[in-house]
């Protein structure tokens, strides 16, 4: 039993008597590798807030000439310090266009 899926475009072209060139078979997908090595060993933290919260963060980042990432790292470190935990959230280098 074949696991190859039928090519719909080719089947329709054959059924319709098309003389156009048939599309080449799709290539097998290559395994995904991280395209951003600076993310090695990290995990995303996703949160949802109202749009005006994000807007205010972006404005603050511009005013402070920093990035959203750095503002959030600062906030995490403040929270960790408040609860007696090590301030381990790393900031990123770079200018205002890095990570916003």
N, C-alpha and C. Protein backbone atom coordinates (compact mmCIF):
# COMPACT_ATOMS: atom_id res chain seq x y z
N UNK A 1 0.84 -1.17 0.00
CA UNK A 1 0.00 0.00 0.00
C UNK A 1 0.89 1.23 0.00
N UNK A 2 0.62 2.16 -0.89
CA UNK A 2 1.42 3.37 -1.02
C UNK A 2 0.92 4.44 -0.06
N UNK A 3 1.88 5.16 0.55
CA UNK A 3 1.50 6.24 1.45
C UNK A 3 1.53 7.59 0.74
N UNK A 4 1.92 7.59 -0.54
CA UNK A 4 1.99 8.84 -1.30
C UNK A 4 0.59 9.30 -1.65
N UNK A 5 0.32 10.57 -1.34
CA UNK A 5 -0.99 11.13 -1.65
C UNK A 5 -1.07 11.44 -3.14
N UNK A 6 -2.26 11.28 -3.74
CA UNK A 6 -2.40 11.61 -5.16
C UNK A 6 -2.27 13.11 -5.36
N UNK A 7 -1.68 13.49 -6.51
CA UNK A 7 -1.52 14.89 -6.86
C UNK A 7 -2.79 15.35 -7.56
N UNK A 8 -3.58 16.17 -6.89
CA UNK A 8 -4.87 16.61 -7.40
C UNK A 8 -4.72 17.39 -8.70
N UNK A 9 -3.71 18.26 -8.77
CA UNK A 9 -3.52 19.07 -9.98
C UNK A 9 -3.24 18.18 -11.19
N UNK A 10 -2.39 17.17 -11.00
CA UNK A 10 -2.08 16.26 -12.11
C UNK A 10 -3.30 15.44 -12.50
N UNK A 11 -4.06 14.98 -11.51
CA UNK A 11 -5.26 14.19 -11.81
C UNK A 11 -6.26 15.02 -12.60
N UNK A 12 -6.46 16.27 -12.20
CA UNK A 12 -7.38 17.14 -12.93
C UNK A 12 -6.88 17.45 -14.34
N UNK A 13 -5.56 17.66 -14.47
CA UNK A 13 -4.98 17.93 -15.79
C UNK A 13 -5.16 16.73 -16.71
N UNK A 14 -4.93 15.53 -16.16
CA UNK A 14 -5.11 14.31 -16.95
C UNK A 14 -6.58 14.15 -17.36
N UNK A 15 -7.48 14.35 -16.41
CA UNK A 15 -8.90 14.18 -16.68
C UNK A 15 -9.40 15.20 -17.69
N UNK A 16 -8.84 16.38 -17.67
CA UNK A 16 -9.29 17.44 -18.58
C UNK A 16 -8.55 17.44 -19.89
N UNK A 17 -7.56 16.57 -20.05
CA UNK A 17 -6.81 16.51 -21.30
C UNK A 17 -5.86 17.68 -21.48
N UNK A 18 -5.38 18.25 -20.41
CA UNK A 18 -4.48 19.39 -20.48
C UNK A 18 -3.16 19.01 -21.13
N UNK A 19 -2.65 19.90 -21.93
CA UNK A 19 -1.34 19.69 -22.55
C UNK A 19 -0.27 20.52 -21.87
N UNK A 20 -0.65 21.24 -20.86
CA UNK A 20 0.33 22.04 -20.12
C UNK A 20 1.27 21.14 -19.34
N UNK A 21 2.40 21.70 -19.05
CA UNK A 21 3.38 20.96 -18.28
C UNK A 21 2.84 20.71 -16.88
N UNK A 22 3.01 19.51 -16.40
CA UNK A 22 2.54 19.15 -15.07
C UNK A 22 3.52 19.66 -14.03
N UNK A 23 3.00 19.97 -12.85
CA UNK A 23 3.84 20.45 -11.76
C UNK A 23 4.75 19.34 -11.28
N UNK A 24 5.98 19.70 -10.90
CA UNK A 24 6.88 18.67 -10.38
C UNK A 24 6.37 18.18 -9.02
N UNK A 25 6.74 16.97 -8.67
CA UNK A 25 6.28 16.44 -7.38
C UNK A 25 6.84 17.30 -6.25
N UNK A 26 6.07 17.44 -5.19
CA UNK A 26 6.56 18.26 -4.08
C UNK A 26 7.77 17.61 -3.42
N UNK A 27 8.70 18.47 -2.99
CA UNK A 27 9.90 17.96 -2.32
C UNK A 27 9.54 17.59 -0.89
N UNK A 28 10.27 16.63 -0.36
CA UNK A 28 10.02 16.25 1.03
C UNK A 28 10.51 17.38 1.93
N UNK A 29 9.73 17.70 2.95
CA UNK A 29 10.14 18.80 3.83
C UNK A 29 11.39 18.46 4.61
N UNK A 30 12.26 19.46 4.75
CA UNK A 30 13.48 19.26 5.53
C UNK A 30 13.14 19.46 7.00
N UNK A 31 13.85 18.79 7.86
CA UNK A 31 13.58 18.97 9.29
C UNK A 31 13.84 20.43 9.68
N UNK A 32 12.96 20.95 10.54
CA UNK A 32 13.10 22.32 10.97
C UNK A 32 14.26 22.45 11.95
N UNK A 33 15.04 23.47 11.74
CA UNK A 33 16.10 23.81 12.68
C UNK A 33 15.89 25.26 13.09
N UNK A 34 16.37 25.59 14.24
CA UNK A 34 16.21 26.95 14.74
C UNK A 34 16.94 27.91 13.83
N UNK A 35 16.22 28.91 13.30
CA UNK A 35 16.85 29.90 12.46
C UNK A 35 17.41 31.04 13.28
N UNK A 36 17.16 31.04 14.57
CA UNK A 36 17.65 32.09 15.45
C UNK A 36 18.42 31.46 16.60
N UNK A 37 19.73 31.33 16.43
CA UNK A 37 20.52 30.64 17.45
C UNK A 37 20.47 31.32 18.82
N UNK A 38 20.17 32.62 18.86
CA UNK A 38 20.10 33.31 20.16
C UNK A 38 18.91 32.83 20.98
N UNK A 39 18.01 32.07 20.41
CA UNK A 39 16.87 31.53 21.15
C UNK A 39 17.13 30.14 21.70
N UNK A 40 18.31 29.61 21.48
CA UNK A 40 18.64 28.28 21.97
C UNK A 40 18.51 28.26 23.50
N UNK A 41 17.81 27.28 24.02
CA UNK A 41 17.65 27.13 25.45
C UNK A 41 16.57 28.02 26.05
N UNK A 42 15.77 28.67 25.21
CA UNK A 42 14.70 29.52 25.73
C UNK A 42 13.34 28.93 25.40
N UNK A 43 12.32 29.41 26.05
CA UNK A 43 10.94 29.00 25.80
C UNK A 43 10.08 30.26 25.77
N UNK A 44 9.11 30.31 24.89
CA UNK A 44 8.24 31.50 24.84
C UNK A 44 7.31 31.57 26.04
N UNK A 45 7.01 32.78 26.43
CA UNK A 45 6.02 33.04 27.48
C UNK A 45 4.96 33.92 26.82
N UNK A 46 3.78 33.38 26.65
CA UNK A 46 2.73 34.10 25.95
C UNK A 46 1.65 34.54 26.93
N UNK A 47 1.32 35.82 26.87
CA UNK A 47 0.26 36.36 27.70
C UNK A 47 -0.63 37.25 26.84
N UNK A 48 -1.85 37.43 27.26
CA UNK A 48 -2.79 38.26 26.52
C UNK A 48 -3.29 39.38 27.42
N UNK A 49 -3.15 40.61 26.93
CA UNK A 49 -3.64 41.79 27.62
C UNK A 49 -4.38 42.64 26.60
N UNK A 50 -5.17 43.61 27.06
CA UNK A 50 -5.85 44.51 26.13
C UNK A 50 -4.84 45.27 25.27
N UNK A 51 -5.28 45.67 24.09
CA UNK A 51 -4.43 46.36 23.13
C UNK A 51 -3.78 47.59 23.74
N UNK A 52 -4.50 48.33 24.58
CA UNK A 52 -3.93 49.56 25.13
C UNK A 52 -2.74 49.27 26.06
N UNK A 53 -2.67 48.08 26.65
CA UNK A 53 -1.52 47.71 27.48
C UNK A 53 -0.29 47.56 26.59
N UNK A 54 -0.44 46.85 25.48
CA UNK A 54 0.69 46.68 24.55
C UNK A 54 1.10 48.02 23.97
N UNK A 55 0.13 48.84 23.59
CA UNK A 55 0.43 50.16 23.03
C UNK A 55 1.25 50.99 24.02
N UNK A 56 0.84 50.95 25.28
CA UNK A 56 1.55 51.73 26.29
C UNK A 56 2.97 51.20 26.49
N UNK A 57 3.14 49.88 26.45
CA UNK A 57 4.49 49.31 26.55
C UNK A 57 5.36 49.74 25.38
N UNK A 58 4.80 49.74 24.17
CA UNK A 58 5.57 50.14 23.00
C UNK A 58 5.97 51.61 23.09
N UNK A 59 5.06 52.46 23.56
CA UNK A 59 5.36 53.88 23.72
C UNK A 59 6.48 54.05 24.75
N UNK A 60 6.38 53.34 25.86
CA UNK A 60 7.40 53.41 26.90
C UNK A 60 8.76 52.94 26.37
N UNK A 61 8.75 51.87 25.57
CA UNK A 61 10.00 51.38 24.99
C UNK A 61 10.64 52.44 24.09
N UNK A 62 9.83 53.12 23.31
CA UNK A 62 10.35 54.19 22.45
C UNK A 62 10.90 55.32 23.30
N UNK A 63 10.15 55.73 24.30
CA UNK A 63 10.59 56.82 25.17
C UNK A 63 11.89 56.48 25.91
N UNK A 64 12.07 55.23 26.28
CA UNK A 64 13.25 54.80 27.02
C UNK A 64 14.37 54.32 26.09
N UNK A 65 14.14 54.37 24.78
CA UNK A 65 15.10 53.91 23.78
C UNK A 65 15.56 52.48 24.07
N UNK A 66 14.57 51.61 24.27
CA UNK A 66 14.86 50.20 24.54
C UNK A 66 13.85 49.34 23.78
N UNK A 67 13.77 48.07 24.12
CA UNK A 67 12.88 47.14 23.43
C UNK A 67 11.80 46.64 24.39
N UNK A 68 10.75 46.07 23.81
CA UNK A 68 9.72 45.44 24.64
C UNK A 68 10.33 44.32 25.47
N UNK A 69 11.22 43.57 24.86
CA UNK A 69 11.88 42.48 25.57
C UNK A 69 12.57 42.99 26.83
N UNK A 70 13.34 44.07 26.68
CA UNK A 70 14.08 44.60 27.83
C UNK A 70 13.15 45.16 28.90
N UNK A 71 12.06 45.80 28.50
CA UNK A 71 11.10 46.30 29.49
C UNK A 71 10.48 45.14 30.26
N UNK A 72 10.13 44.09 29.56
CA UNK A 72 9.50 42.94 30.21
C UNK A 72 10.51 42.20 31.10
N UNK A 73 11.77 42.10 30.64
CA UNK A 73 12.81 41.49 31.48
C UNK A 73 12.99 42.30 32.76
N UNK A 74 12.96 43.62 32.65
CA UNK A 74 13.07 44.48 33.83
C UNK A 74 11.89 44.23 34.79
N UNK A 75 10.69 44.13 34.22
CA UNK A 75 9.50 43.89 35.05
C UNK A 75 9.59 42.53 35.74
N UNK A 76 10.03 41.49 35.01
CA UNK A 76 10.19 40.17 35.63
C UNK A 76 11.20 40.23 36.76
N UNK A 77 12.33 40.90 36.53
CA UNK A 77 13.36 40.98 37.57
C UNK A 77 12.86 41.74 38.79
N UNK A 78 12.06 42.80 38.58
CA UNK A 78 11.46 43.51 39.71
C UNK A 78 10.53 42.59 40.50
N UNK A 79 9.74 41.79 39.78
CA UNK A 79 8.83 40.84 40.42
C UNK A 79 9.62 39.78 41.20
N UNK A 80 10.67 39.25 40.58
CA UNK A 80 11.50 38.25 41.27
C UNK A 80 12.08 38.84 42.54
N UNK A 81 12.60 40.07 42.46
CA UNK A 81 13.19 40.71 43.63
C UNK A 81 12.15 40.91 44.73
N UNK A 82 10.95 41.29 44.35
CA UNK A 82 9.88 41.50 45.31
C UNK A 82 9.62 40.24 46.14
N UNK A 83 9.73 39.09 45.50
CA UNK A 83 9.46 37.82 46.18
C UNK A 83 10.74 37.10 46.60
N UNK A 84 11.86 37.83 46.65
CA UNK A 84 13.11 37.26 47.14
C UNK A 84 13.74 36.22 46.24
N UNK A 85 13.47 36.30 44.95
CA UNK A 85 14.04 35.35 43.99
C UNK A 85 15.18 36.02 43.23
N UNK A 86 16.11 35.23 42.67
CA UNK A 86 17.19 35.81 41.88
C UNK A 86 16.65 36.53 40.64
N UNK A 87 17.26 37.65 40.31
CA UNK A 87 16.86 38.42 39.13
C UNK A 87 17.57 37.82 37.91
N UNK A 88 16.90 36.86 37.26
CA UNK A 88 17.54 36.05 36.22
C UNK A 88 17.06 36.34 34.80
N UNK A 89 16.10 37.24 34.62
CA UNK A 89 15.59 37.51 33.27
C UNK A 89 16.62 38.33 32.50
N UNK A 90 17.19 37.77 31.44
CA UNK A 90 18.23 38.49 30.70
C UNK A 90 17.66 39.58 29.80
N UNK A 91 18.40 40.65 29.69
CA UNK A 91 18.07 41.70 28.73
C UNK A 91 18.86 41.44 27.46
N UNK A 92 18.39 41.98 26.36
CA UNK A 92 19.07 41.83 25.08
C UNK A 92 19.81 43.12 24.76
N UNK A 93 20.92 42.97 24.06
CA UNK A 93 21.62 44.14 23.58
C UNK A 93 20.94 44.69 22.34
N UNK A 94 21.36 45.82 21.89
CA UNK A 94 20.82 46.38 20.66
C UNK A 94 19.95 47.57 20.90
N UNK A 95 19.56 48.17 19.80
CA UNK A 95 18.79 49.40 19.86
C UNK A 95 17.30 49.19 19.85
N UNK A 96 16.61 50.25 19.56
CA UNK A 96 15.16 50.29 19.65
C UNK A 96 14.48 49.35 18.65
N UNK A 97 15.11 49.06 17.52
CA UNK A 97 14.50 48.21 16.51
C UNK A 97 14.75 46.74 16.74
N UNK A 98 15.45 46.40 17.81
CA UNK A 98 15.76 45.01 18.09
C UNK A 98 14.72 44.40 19.01
N UNK A 99 13.81 43.56 18.46
CA UNK A 99 12.88 42.81 19.28
C UNK A 99 11.54 43.48 19.52
N UNK A 100 11.26 44.58 18.87
CA UNK A 100 9.97 45.24 19.11
C UNK A 100 8.95 44.83 18.09
